[in-house]
Amino acid sequence: MEVRFVPPDLRRLDELKCEAIALPFFTDVRPLRGALGLLDWRLCGQVSRLLLRGHASGAAEEAILIPARPRLTYDKLFLFGAGAASEFDDAVFEQVVERMLVTLDRARVRVSVFGLPGRSLDAISPERAMELYLERMGAHPEHDQVTLIEPPDAQRRMGPVVERAKRRERALSE
């Protein structure tokens, strides 16, 4: 599995070539922030309308599929409820990431873009988020490539974690 990064910038998100994008959202964070806020703008407020009409809330275990074309360059936008941001911790991070990965596995998505839970709010450090993400990702070898939406500073901090995991994987395979 290859891990790449892209900054949370609308132009850069528009340039991505992938099958799907998977983003978490919280019940108590409005307006929408980060990549989801940018993509909601690109979708002319479609996600915000779902929230206003009560068709989505961000509750834990909630999963929503939105057709992304023609406004976005990917086929599918998956949204995953992460509960209340005020209750966010490592366990919530792991549960949401696992749900995201299982859902993408079932949809047979092999090339995806991820927004890691809690990262747009800095509720979890880049290093810890990457460690937990890679632990979960190890159980889902179906994914060929994942691009994580992270600002440049977080990308620099996550890079060494990814490299350590690659070295560990190579050592175990020898």
N, C-alpha and C. Protein backbone atom coordinates (compact mmCIF):
# COMPACT_ATOMS: atom_id res chain seq x y z
N MET A 1 0.83 -1.17 0.00
CA MET A 1 0.00 0.00 0.00
C MET A 1 0.89 1.24 0.00
N GLU A 2 0.55 2.14 -0.84
CA GLU A 2 1.30 3.39 -0.97
C GLU A 2 0.53 4.52 -0.29
N VAL A 3 1.23 5.31 0.53
CA VAL A 3 0.62 6.45 1.21
C VAL A 3 1.16 7.73 0.58
N ARG A 4 0.25 8.58 0.17
CA ARG A 4 0.60 9.89 -0.38
C ARG A 4 -0.12 10.96 0.43
N PHE A 5 0.25 12.20 0.16
CA PHE A 5 -0.37 13.32 0.86
C PHE A 5 -0.81 14.39 -0.13
N VAL A 6 -1.83 15.14 0.27
CA VAL A 6 -2.29 16.31 -0.48
C VAL A 6 -2.73 17.34 0.56
N PRO A 7 -2.39 18.62 0.35
CA PRO A 7 -2.85 19.63 1.30
C PRO A 7 -4.34 19.89 1.15
N PRO A 8 -4.98 20.39 2.20
CA PRO A 8 -6.41 20.70 2.12
C PRO A 8 -6.65 22.00 1.34
N ASP A 9 -6.52 21.90 0.05
CA ASP A 9 -6.63 23.04 -0.86
C ASP A 9 -7.57 22.60 -1.99
N LEU A 10 -8.58 23.40 -2.28
CA LEU A 10 -9.59 23.00 -3.25
C LEU A 10 -9.00 22.68 -4.62
N ARG A 11 -8.08 23.50 -5.08
CA ARG A 11 -7.47 23.26 -6.38
C ARG A 11 -6.75 21.91 -6.40
N ARG A 12 -6.01 21.63 -5.34
CA ARG A 12 -5.27 20.36 -5.26
C ARG A 12 -6.23 19.16 -5.14
N LEU A 13 -7.31 19.34 -4.41
CA LEU A 13 -8.30 18.27 -4.30
C LEU A 13 -8.97 18.00 -5.65
N ASP A 14 -9.17 19.06 -6.43
CA ASP A 14 -9.76 18.92 -7.77
C ASP A 14 -8.86 18.12 -8.71
N GLU A 15 -7.57 18.15 -8.48
CA GLU A 15 -6.61 17.49 -9.37
C GLU A 15 -6.44 15.99 -9.08
N LEU A 16 -6.99 15.52 -7.98
CA LEU A 16 -6.78 14.13 -7.58
C LEU A 16 -7.48 13.15 -8.50
N LYS A 17 -6.82 12.05 -8.75
CA LYS A 17 -7.39 10.95 -9.54
C LYS A 17 -7.56 9.76 -8.59
N CYS A 18 -8.79 9.48 -8.24
CA CYS A 18 -9.07 8.36 -7.35
C CYS A 18 -10.52 7.92 -7.56
N GLU A 19 -10.85 6.81 -6.93
CA GLU A 19 -12.21 6.28 -7.04
C GLU A 19 -13.16 6.95 -6.05
N ALA A 20 -12.65 7.25 -4.86
CA ALA A 20 -13.52 7.76 -3.81
C ALA A 20 -12.73 8.60 -2.82
N ILE A 21 -13.48 9.45 -2.12
CA ILE A 21 -12.90 10.21 -1.03
C ILE A 21 -13.74 9.90 0.21
N ALA A 22 -13.08 9.67 1.33
CA ALA A 22 -13.74 9.31 2.58
C ALA A 22 -13.40 10.35 3.64
N LEU A 23 -14.44 10.96 4.20
CA LEU A 23 -14.23 12.04 5.16
C LEU A 23 -15.10 11.85 6.40
N PRO A 24 -14.53 12.09 7.57
CA PRO A 24 -15.31 12.05 8.80
C PRO A 24 -15.96 13.41 9.06
N PHE A 25 -17.03 13.41 9.85
CA PHE A 25 -17.61 14.68 10.29
C PHE A 25 -18.26 14.48 11.65
N PHE A 26 -18.31 15.55 12.41
CA PHE A 26 -18.77 15.52 13.80
C PHE A 26 -20.16 16.13 13.94
N THR A 27 -20.85 15.74 15.00
CA THR A 27 -22.20 16.26 15.25
C THR A 27 -22.17 17.72 15.68
N ASP A 28 -21.09 18.15 16.30
CA ASP A 28 -21.06 19.47 16.92
C ASP A 28 -20.06 20.43 16.28
N VAL A 29 -19.70 20.20 15.03
CA VAL A 29 -18.78 21.12 14.33
C VAL A 29 -19.50 21.66 13.10
N ARG A 30 -19.98 22.88 13.22
CA ARG A 30 -20.63 23.59 12.13
C ARG A 30 -20.15 25.03 12.16
N PRO A 31 -19.85 25.65 11.07
CA PRO A 31 -19.92 25.10 9.72
C PRO A 31 -18.88 24.01 9.53
N LEU A 32 -19.06 23.24 8.47
CA LEU A 32 -18.12 22.17 8.15
C LEU A 32 -16.74 22.74 7.92
N ARG A 33 -15.73 22.04 8.38
CA ARG A 33 -14.34 22.52 8.27
C ARG A 33 -13.50 21.60 7.41
N GLY A 34 -12.30 22.08 7.12
CA GLY A 34 -11.32 21.27 6.42
C GLY A 34 -11.77 20.88 5.02
N ALA A 35 -11.35 19.69 4.62
CA ALA A 35 -11.64 19.21 3.27
C ALA A 35 -13.14 19.09 3.03
N LEU A 36 -13.90 18.67 4.03
CA LEU A 36 -15.34 18.53 3.85
C LEU A 36 -15.99 19.89 3.59
N GLY A 37 -15.54 20.91 4.28
CA GLY A 37 -16.05 22.26 4.02
C GLY A 37 -15.75 22.71 2.60
N LEU A 38 -14.54 22.41 2.13
CA LEU A 38 -14.17 22.77 0.76
C LEU A 38 -15.00 22.01 -0.26
N LEU A 39 -15.17 20.71 -0.04
CA LEU A 39 -15.93 19.91 -1.00
C LEU A 39 -17.42 20.25 -0.95
N ASP A 40 -17.92 20.61 0.22
CA ASP A 40 -19.32 21.06 0.32
C ASP A 40 -19.51 22.32 -0.53
N TRP A 41 -18.55 23.20 -0.50
CA TRP A 41 -18.61 24.41 -1.33
C TRP A 41 -18.64 24.03 -2.80
N ARG A 42 -17.77 23.09 -3.19
CA ARG A 42 -17.71 22.64 -4.59
C ARG A 42 -19.03 21.97 -5.00
N LEU A 43 -19.68 21.31 -4.03
CA LEU A 43 -20.97 20.65 -4.29
C LEU A 43 -22.16 21.59 -4.09
N CYS A 44 -21.89 22.88 -4.04
CA CYS A 44 -22.94 23.90 -3.89
C CYS A 44 -23.78 23.70 -2.62
N GLY A 45 -23.13 23.29 -1.54
CA GLY A 45 -23.81 23.15 -0.26
C GLY A 45 -24.64 21.89 -0.10
N GLN A 46 -24.42 20.90 -0.93
CA GLN A 46 -25.21 19.67 -0.86
C GLN A 46 -25.10 18.99 0.51
N VAL A 47 -23.90 18.94 1.07
CA VAL A 47 -23.72 18.30 2.38
C VAL A 47 -24.40 19.14 3.46
N SER A 48 -24.26 20.45 3.39
CA SER A 48 -24.91 21.32 4.37
C SER A 48 -26.43 21.16 4.32
N ARG A 49 -26.98 21.00 3.13
CA ARG A 49 -28.44 20.80 3.01
C ARG A 49 -28.86 19.47 3.65
N LEU A 50 -28.04 18.43 3.48
CA LEU A 50 -28.35 17.15 4.14
C LEU A 50 -28.40 17.34 5.66
N LEU A 51 -27.47 18.11 6.18
CA LEU A 51 -27.43 18.37 7.62
C LEU A 51 -28.64 19.18 8.07
N LEU A 52 -28.94 20.24 7.34
CA LEU A 52 -30.07 21.11 7.70
C LEU A 52 -31.40 20.37 7.65
N ARG A 53 -31.55 19.46 6.72
CA ARG A 53 -32.80 18.71 6.58
C ARG A 53 -32.88 17.51 7.52
N GLY A 54 -31.82 17.27 8.27
CA GLY A 54 -31.82 16.16 9.21
C GLY A 54 -31.54 14.80 8.59
N HIS A 55 -31.08 14.77 7.35
CA HIS A 55 -30.76 13.51 6.69
C HIS A 55 -29.37 13.01 7.09
N ALA A 56 -28.60 13.84 7.73
CA ALA A 56 -27.27 13.49 8.22
C ALA A 56 -27.01 14.32 9.46
N SER A 57 -26.19 13.77 10.37
CA SER A 57 -25.91 14.51 11.60
C SER A 57 -24.45 14.43 12.04
N GLY A 58 -23.76 13.38 11.61
CA GLY A 58 -22.40 13.16 12.09
C GLY A 58 -22.35 12.21 13.27
N ALA A 59 -23.50 11.60 13.59
CA ALA A 59 -23.56 10.67 14.72
C ALA A 59 -22.64 9.48 14.47
N ALA A 60 -22.11 8.94 15.55
CA ALA A 60 -21.26 7.75 15.44
C ALA A 60 -22.02 6.65 14.70
N GLU A 61 -21.30 5.90 13.88
CA GLU A 61 -21.84 4.81 13.08
C GLU A 61 -22.58 5.27 11.83
N GLU A 62 -22.79 6.56 11.65
CA GLU A 62 -23.46 7.05 10.45
C GLU A 62 -22.52 6.97 9.25
N ALA A 63 -23.04 6.52 8.12
CA ALA A 63 -22.26 6.47 6.88
C ALA A 63 -23.16 6.92 5.74
N ILE A 64 -22.65 7.80 4.92
CA ILE A 64 -23.43 8.39 3.82
C ILE A 64 -22.59 8.32 2.55
N LEU A 65 -23.24 7.95 1.47
CA LEU A 65 -22.60 7.94 0.16
C LEU A 65 -23.26 9.01 -0.70
N ILE A 66 -22.44 9.89 -1.26
CA ILE A 66 -22.93 10.96 -2.12
C ILE A 66 -22.26 10.81 -3.49
N PRO A 67 -23.05 10.74 -4.57
CA PRO A 67 -22.43 10.72 -5.90
C PRO A 67 -21.68 12.04 -6.10
N ALA A 68 -20.44 11.96 -6.48
CA ALA A 68 -19.61 13.17 -6.53
C ALA A 68 -19.54 13.81 -7.91
N ARG A 69 -19.70 13.03 -8.95
CA ARG A 69 -19.59 13.60 -10.30
C ARG A 69 -20.88 14.31 -10.66
N PRO A 70 -20.88 15.32 -11.44
CA PRO A 70 -19.77 15.87 -12.22
C PRO A 70 -19.02 16.99 -11.51
N ARG A 71 -19.46 17.39 -10.33
CA ARG A 71 -18.82 18.54 -9.67
C ARG A 71 -17.44 18.22 -9.10
N LEU A 72 -17.20 16.96 -8.78
CA LEU A 72 -15.90 16.53 -8.25
C LEU A 72 -15.27 15.55 -9.23
N THR A 73 -13.98 15.35 -9.10
CA THR A 73 -13.26 14.49 -10.04
C THR A 73 -13.30 13.01 -9.65
N TYR A 74 -13.91 12.68 -8.54
CA TYR A 74 -14.00 11.28 -8.11
C TYR A 74 -15.45 10.84 -8.21
N ASP A 75 -15.66 9.54 -8.20
CA ASP A 75 -17.01 9.01 -8.36
C ASP A 75 -17.85 9.13 -7.09
N LYS A 76 -17.22 8.86 -5.94
CA LYS A 76 -17.98 8.73 -4.70
C LYS A 76 -17.39 9.58 -3.59
N LEU A 77 -18.28 10.16 -2.80
CA LEU A 77 -17.90 10.86 -1.58
C LEU A 77 -18.57 10.11 -0.43
N PHE A 78 -17.75 9.49 0.41
CA PHE A 78 -18.25 8.78 1.58
C PHE A 78 -18.06 9.68 2.80
N LEU A 79 -19.12 9.84 3.59
CA LEU A 79 -19.05 10.61 4.83
C LEU A 79 -19.31 9.68 6.00
N PHE A 80 -18.52 9.84 7.06
CA PHE A 80 -18.61 8.96 8.22
C PHE A 80 -18.78 9.78 9.49
N GLY A 81 -19.87 9.52 10.19
CA GLY A 81 -20.11 10.19 11.45
C GLY A 81 -19.07 9.80 12.49
N ALA A 82 -18.59 10.80 13.22
CA ALA A 82 -17.57 10.57 14.24
C ALA A 82 -18.07 10.96 15.63
N GLY A 83 -19.38 11.24 15.75
CA GLY A 83 -19.93 11.63 17.04
C GLY A 83 -19.57 13.06 17.39
N ALA A 84 -19.55 13.35 18.66
CA ALA A 84 -19.24 14.71 19.14
C ALA A 84 -17.73 14.92 19.21
N ALA A 85 -17.28 16.03 18.70
CA ALA A 85 -15.85 16.36 18.75
C ALA A 85 -15.37 16.45 20.19
N SER A 86 -16.24 16.86 21.08
CA SER A 86 -15.87 17.00 22.49
C SER A 86 -15.59 15.64 23.14
N GLU A 87 -16.03 14.54 22.53
CA GLU A 87 -15.81 13.21 23.07
C GLU A 87 -14.76 12.43 22.27
N PHE A 88 -14.06 13.12 21.38
CA PHE A 88 -13.09 12.47 20.50
C PHE A 88 -11.87 12.01 21.28
N ASP A 89 -11.43 10.78 21.01
CA ASP A 89 -10.19 10.24 21.59
C ASP A 89 -9.64 9.18 20.64
N ASP A 90 -8.57 8.50 21.05
CA ASP A 90 -7.94 7.49 20.20
C ASP A 90 -8.92 6.37 19.83
N ALA A 91 -9.76 5.98 20.78
CA ALA A 91 -10.72 4.89 20.51
C ALA A 91 -11.71 5.30 19.42
N VAL A 92 -12.20 6.52 19.48
CA VAL A 92 -13.12 7.01 18.44
C VAL A 92 -12.39 7.06 17.10
N PHE A 93 -11.16 7.55 17.11
CA PHE A 93 -10.36 7.59 15.88
C PHE A 93 -10.30 6.20 15.25
N GLU A 94 -9.93 5.20 16.06
CA GLU A 94 -9.79 3.83 15.55
C GLU A 94 -11.11 3.28 15.03
N GLN A 95 -12.20 3.54 15.74
CA GLN A 95 -13.51 3.04 15.31
C GLN A 95 -13.92 3.66 13.97
N VAL A 96 -13.73 4.95 13.84
CA VAL A 96 -14.14 5.63 12.60
C VAL A 96 -13.26 5.17 11.44
N VAL A 97 -11.96 5.10 11.65
CA VAL A 97 -11.06 4.65 10.58
C VAL A 97 -11.40 3.22 10.16
N GLU A 98 -11.66 2.35 11.12
CA GLU A 98 -12.03 0.97 10.78
C GLU A 98 -13.30 0.95 9.94
N ARG A 99 -14.30 1.73 10.32
CA ARG A 99 -15.54 1.79 9.55
C ARG A 99 -15.29 2.31 8.13
N MET A 100 -14.43 3.32 8.03
CA MET A 100 -14.08 3.87 6.72
C MET A 100 -13.44 2.80 5.84
N LEU A 101 -12.48 2.08 6.40
CA LEU A 101 -11.76 1.06 5.63
C LEU A 101 -12.67 -0.10 5.23
N VAL A 102 -13.49 -0.57 6.16
CA VAL A 102 -14.42 -1.67 5.86
C VAL A 102 -15.39 -1.26 4.76
N THR A 103 -15.91 -0.06 4.85
CA THR A 103 -16.85 0.43 3.84
C THR A 103 -16.20 0.51 2.47
N LEU A 104 -14.99 1.05 2.41
CA LEU A 104 -14.29 1.13 1.13
C LEU A 104 -13.94 -0.26 0.60
N ASP A 105 -13.61 -1.19 1.49
CA ASP A 105 -13.37 -2.58 1.07
C ASP A 105 -14.62 -3.15 0.40
N ARG A 106 -15.76 -2.96 1.05
CA ARG A 106 -17.02 -3.50 0.52
C ARG A 106 -17.39 -2.87 -0.82
N ALA A 107 -17.02 -1.60 -0.99
CA ALA A 107 -17.29 -0.91 -2.26
C ALA A 107 -16.22 -1.22 -3.30
N ARG A 108 -15.25 -2.03 -2.92
CA ARG A 108 -14.15 -2.43 -3.81
C ARG A 108 -13.33 -1.24 -4.30
N VAL A 109 -13.15 -0.27 -3.43
CA VAL A 109 -12.33 0.90 -3.74
C VAL A 109 -10.88 0.56 -3.44
N ARG A 110 -10.01 0.75 -4.42
CA ARG A 110 -8.59 0.43 -4.24
C ARG A 110 -7.71 1.67 -4.19
N VAL A 111 -8.19 2.77 -4.74
CA VAL A 111 -7.43 4.03 -4.73
C VAL A 111 -8.36 5.09 -4.13
N SER A 112 -7.97 5.61 -2.96
CA SER A 112 -8.86 6.53 -2.26
C SER A 112 -8.11 7.69 -1.64
N VAL A 113 -8.90 8.66 -1.22
CA VAL A 113 -8.40 9.83 -0.50
C VAL A 113 -9.10 9.82 0.86
N PHE A 114 -8.34 10.07 1.92
CA PHE A 114 -8.86 10.02 3.28
C PHE A 114 -8.64 11.35 4.00
N GLY A 115 -9.63 11.73 4.77
CA GLY A 115 -9.45 12.74 5.79
C GLY A 115 -9.45 11.99 7.11
N LEU A 116 -8.39 12.07 7.87
CA LEU A 116 -8.32 11.33 9.13
C LEU A 116 -9.16 12.02 10.20
N PRO A 117 -9.92 11.24 10.98
CA PRO A 117 -10.78 11.82 12.01
C PRO A 117 -10.00 12.67 13.01
N GLY A 118 -10.56 13.82 13.31
CA GLY A 118 -9.98 14.70 14.31
C GLY A 118 -8.84 15.57 13.85
N ARG A 119 -8.30 15.31 12.68
CA ARG A 119 -7.13 16.06 12.22
C ARG A 119 -7.49 17.49 11.81
N SER A 120 -8.65 17.72 11.23
CA SER A 120 -8.99 19.08 10.82
C SER A 120 -9.21 19.99 12.03
N LEU A 121 -9.39 19.38 13.20
CA LEU A 121 -9.58 20.13 14.44
C LEU A 121 -8.33 20.10 15.32
N ASP A 122 -7.28 19.43 14.88
CA ASP A 122 -6.08 19.19 15.68
C ASP A 122 -6.42 18.50 17.00
N ALA A 123 -7.42 17.61 16.96
CA ALA A 123 -7.82 16.87 18.16
C ALA A 123 -6.91 15.67 18.41
N ILE A 124 -6.04 15.37 17.45
CA ILE A 124 -5.08 14.28 17.57
C ILE A 124 -3.82 14.73 16.82
N SER A 125 -2.67 14.41 17.36
CA SER A 125 -1.42 14.84 16.71
C SER A 125 -1.23 14.11 15.39
N PRO A 126 -0.50 14.71 14.46
CA PRO A 126 -0.24 14.04 13.18
C PRO A 126 0.44 12.69 13.37
N GLU A 127 1.42 12.64 14.26
CA GLU A 127 2.16 11.39 14.48
C GLU A 127 1.25 10.29 15.03
N ARG A 128 0.47 10.62 16.04
CA ARG A 128 -0.43 9.61 16.64
C ARG A 128 -1.48 9.17 15.63
N ALA A 129 -2.03 10.10 14.89
CA ALA A 129 -3.03 9.75 13.88
C ALA A 129 -2.43 8.78 12.86
N MET A 130 -1.22 9.04 12.43
CA MET A 130 -0.59 8.17 11.43
C MET A 130 -0.30 6.79 12.02
N GLU A 131 0.18 6.74 13.26
CA GLU A 131 0.44 5.45 13.90
C GLU A 131 -0.83 4.60 13.95
N LEU A 132 -1.91 5.20 14.44
CA LEU A 132 -3.17 4.47 14.56
C LEU A 132 -3.73 4.10 13.19
N TYR A 133 -3.61 5.00 12.23
CA TYR A 133 -4.10 4.73 10.88
C TYR A 133 -3.36 3.54 10.27
N LEU A 134 -2.04 3.53 10.37
CA LEU A 134 -1.25 2.45 9.78
C LEU A 134 -1.55 1.10 10.45
N GLU A 135 -1.81 1.12 11.77
CA GLU A 135 -2.19 -0.12 12.46
C GLU A 135 -3.46 -0.69 11.85
N ARG A 136 -4.45 0.17 11.65
CA ARG A 136 -5.73 -0.26 11.07
C ARG A 136 -5.56 -0.67 9.61
N MET A 137 -4.76 0.08 8.88
CA MET A 137 -4.57 -0.16 7.46
C MET A 137 -3.93 -1.52 7.20
N GLY A 138 -3.12 -1.99 8.15
CA GLY A 138 -2.47 -3.28 7.99
C GLY A 138 -3.45 -4.44 7.83
N ALA A 139 -4.64 -4.30 8.36
CA ALA A 139 -5.66 -5.35 8.25
C ALA A 139 -6.49 -5.22 6.97
N HIS A 140 -6.15 -4.25 6.12
CA HIS A 140 -6.92 -4.00 4.90
C HIS A 140 -5.98 -3.88 3.70
N PRO A 141 -5.39 -5.00 3.29
CA PRO A 141 -4.41 -4.95 2.20
C PRO A 141 -5.02 -4.69 0.82
N GLU A 142 -6.34 -4.60 0.74
CA GLU A 142 -7.01 -4.39 -0.55
C GLU A 142 -6.71 -3.02 -1.14
N HIS A 143 -6.34 -2.09 -0.31
CA HIS A 143 -6.09 -0.72 -0.77
C HIS A 143 -4.70 -0.63 -1.40
N ASP A 144 -4.66 -0.25 -2.66
CA ASP A 144 -3.38 -0.10 -3.36
C ASP A 144 -2.72 1.24 -3.04
N GLN A 145 -3.53 2.27 -2.96
CA GLN A 145 -2.98 3.61 -2.74
C GLN A 145 -3.97 4.45 -1.95
N VAL A 146 -3.46 5.17 -0.98
CA VAL A 146 -4.29 6.10 -0.22
C VAL A 146 -3.58 7.44 -0.18
N THR A 147 -4.35 8.50 -0.36
CA THR A 147 -3.83 9.86 -0.25
C THR A 147 -4.50 10.49 0.95
N LEU A 148 -3.70 10.96 1.89
CA LEU A 148 -4.22 11.58 3.10
C LEU A 148 -4.23 13.09 2.93
N ILE A 149 -5.31 13.71 3.35
CA ILE A 149 -5.45 15.17 3.27
C ILE A 149 -4.85 15.76 4.54
N GLU A 150 -3.70 16.38 4.40
CA GLU A 150 -2.99 16.96 5.54
C GLU A 150 -2.23 18.20 5.10
N PRO A 151 -2.17 19.22 5.96
CA PRO A 151 -1.36 20.40 5.64
C PRO A 151 0.13 20.04 5.61
N PRO A 152 0.95 20.85 4.95
CA PRO A 152 2.38 20.53 4.79
C PRO A 152 3.11 20.23 6.09
N ASP A 153 2.84 20.98 7.16
CA ASP A 153 3.54 20.73 8.42
C ASP A 153 3.21 19.33 8.95
N ALA A 154 1.95 18.95 8.89
CA ALA A 154 1.55 17.62 9.36
C ALA A 154 2.15 16.54 8.46
N GLN A 155 2.23 16.80 7.16
CA GLN A 155 2.85 15.84 6.25
C GLN A 155 4.29 15.57 6.66
N ARG A 156 5.02 16.64 7.00
CA ARG A 156 6.42 16.47 7.43
C ARG A 156 6.51 15.65 8.72
N ARG A 157 5.56 15.85 9.61
CA ARG A 157 5.58 15.12 10.87
C ARG A 157 5.14 13.67 10.70
N MET A 158 4.29 13.40 9.72
CA MET A 158 3.81 12.04 9.48
C MET A 158 4.79 11.20 8.67
N GLY A 159 5.59 11.85 7.85
CA GLY A 159 6.52 11.14 6.98
C GLY A 159 7.40 10.14 7.70
N PRO A 160 8.08 10.52 8.80
CA PRO A 160 8.93 9.55 9.51
C PRO A 160 8.15 8.35 10.06
N VAL A 161 6.90 8.56 10.45
CA VAL A 161 6.09 7.44 10.94
C VAL A 161 5.84 6.44 9.81
N VAL A 162 5.55 6.96 8.62
CA VAL A 162 5.34 6.10 7.45
C VAL A 162 6.62 5.34 7.11
N GLU A 163 7.75 6.04 7.14
CA GLU A 163 9.04 5.40 6.81
C GLU A 163 9.38 4.30 7.81
N ARG A 164 9.14 4.53 9.10
CA ARG A 164 9.38 3.49 10.11
C ARG A 164 8.52 2.26 9.84
N ALA A 165 7.27 2.49 9.48
CA ALA A 165 6.36 1.37 9.20
C ALA A 165 6.84 0.59 7.97
N LYS A 166 7.33 1.29 6.95
CA LYS A 166 7.84 0.61 5.75
C LYS A 166 9.07 -0.22 6.09
N ARG A 167 9.98 0.34 6.91
CA ARG A 167 11.17 -0.41 7.31
C ARG A 167 10.79 -1.66 8.11
N ARG A 168 9.85 -1.50 9.01
CA ARG A 168 9.40 -2.63 9.82
C ARG A 168 8.77 -3.71 8.93
N GLU A 169 7.98 -3.28 7.95
CA GLU A 169 7.35 -4.23 7.02
C GLU A 169 8.40 -4.98 6.20
N ARG A 170 9.40 -4.25 5.71
CA ARG A 170 10.48 -4.89 4.94
C ARG A 170 11.25 -5.89 5.80
N ALA A 171 11.54 -5.52 7.04
CA ALA A 171 12.29 -6.40 7.94
C ALA A 171 11.50 -7.68 8.23
N LEU A 172 10.20 -7.56 8.38
CA LEU A 172 9.37 -8.74 8.67
C LEU A 172 9.24 -9.65 7.45
N SER A 173 9.33 -9.08 6.26
CA SER A 173 9.16 -9.89 5.05
C SER A 173 10.45 -10.58 4.62
N GLU A 174 11.57 -10.22 5.23
CA GLU A 174 12.87 -10.84 4.87
C GLU A 174 13.12 -12.11 5.63
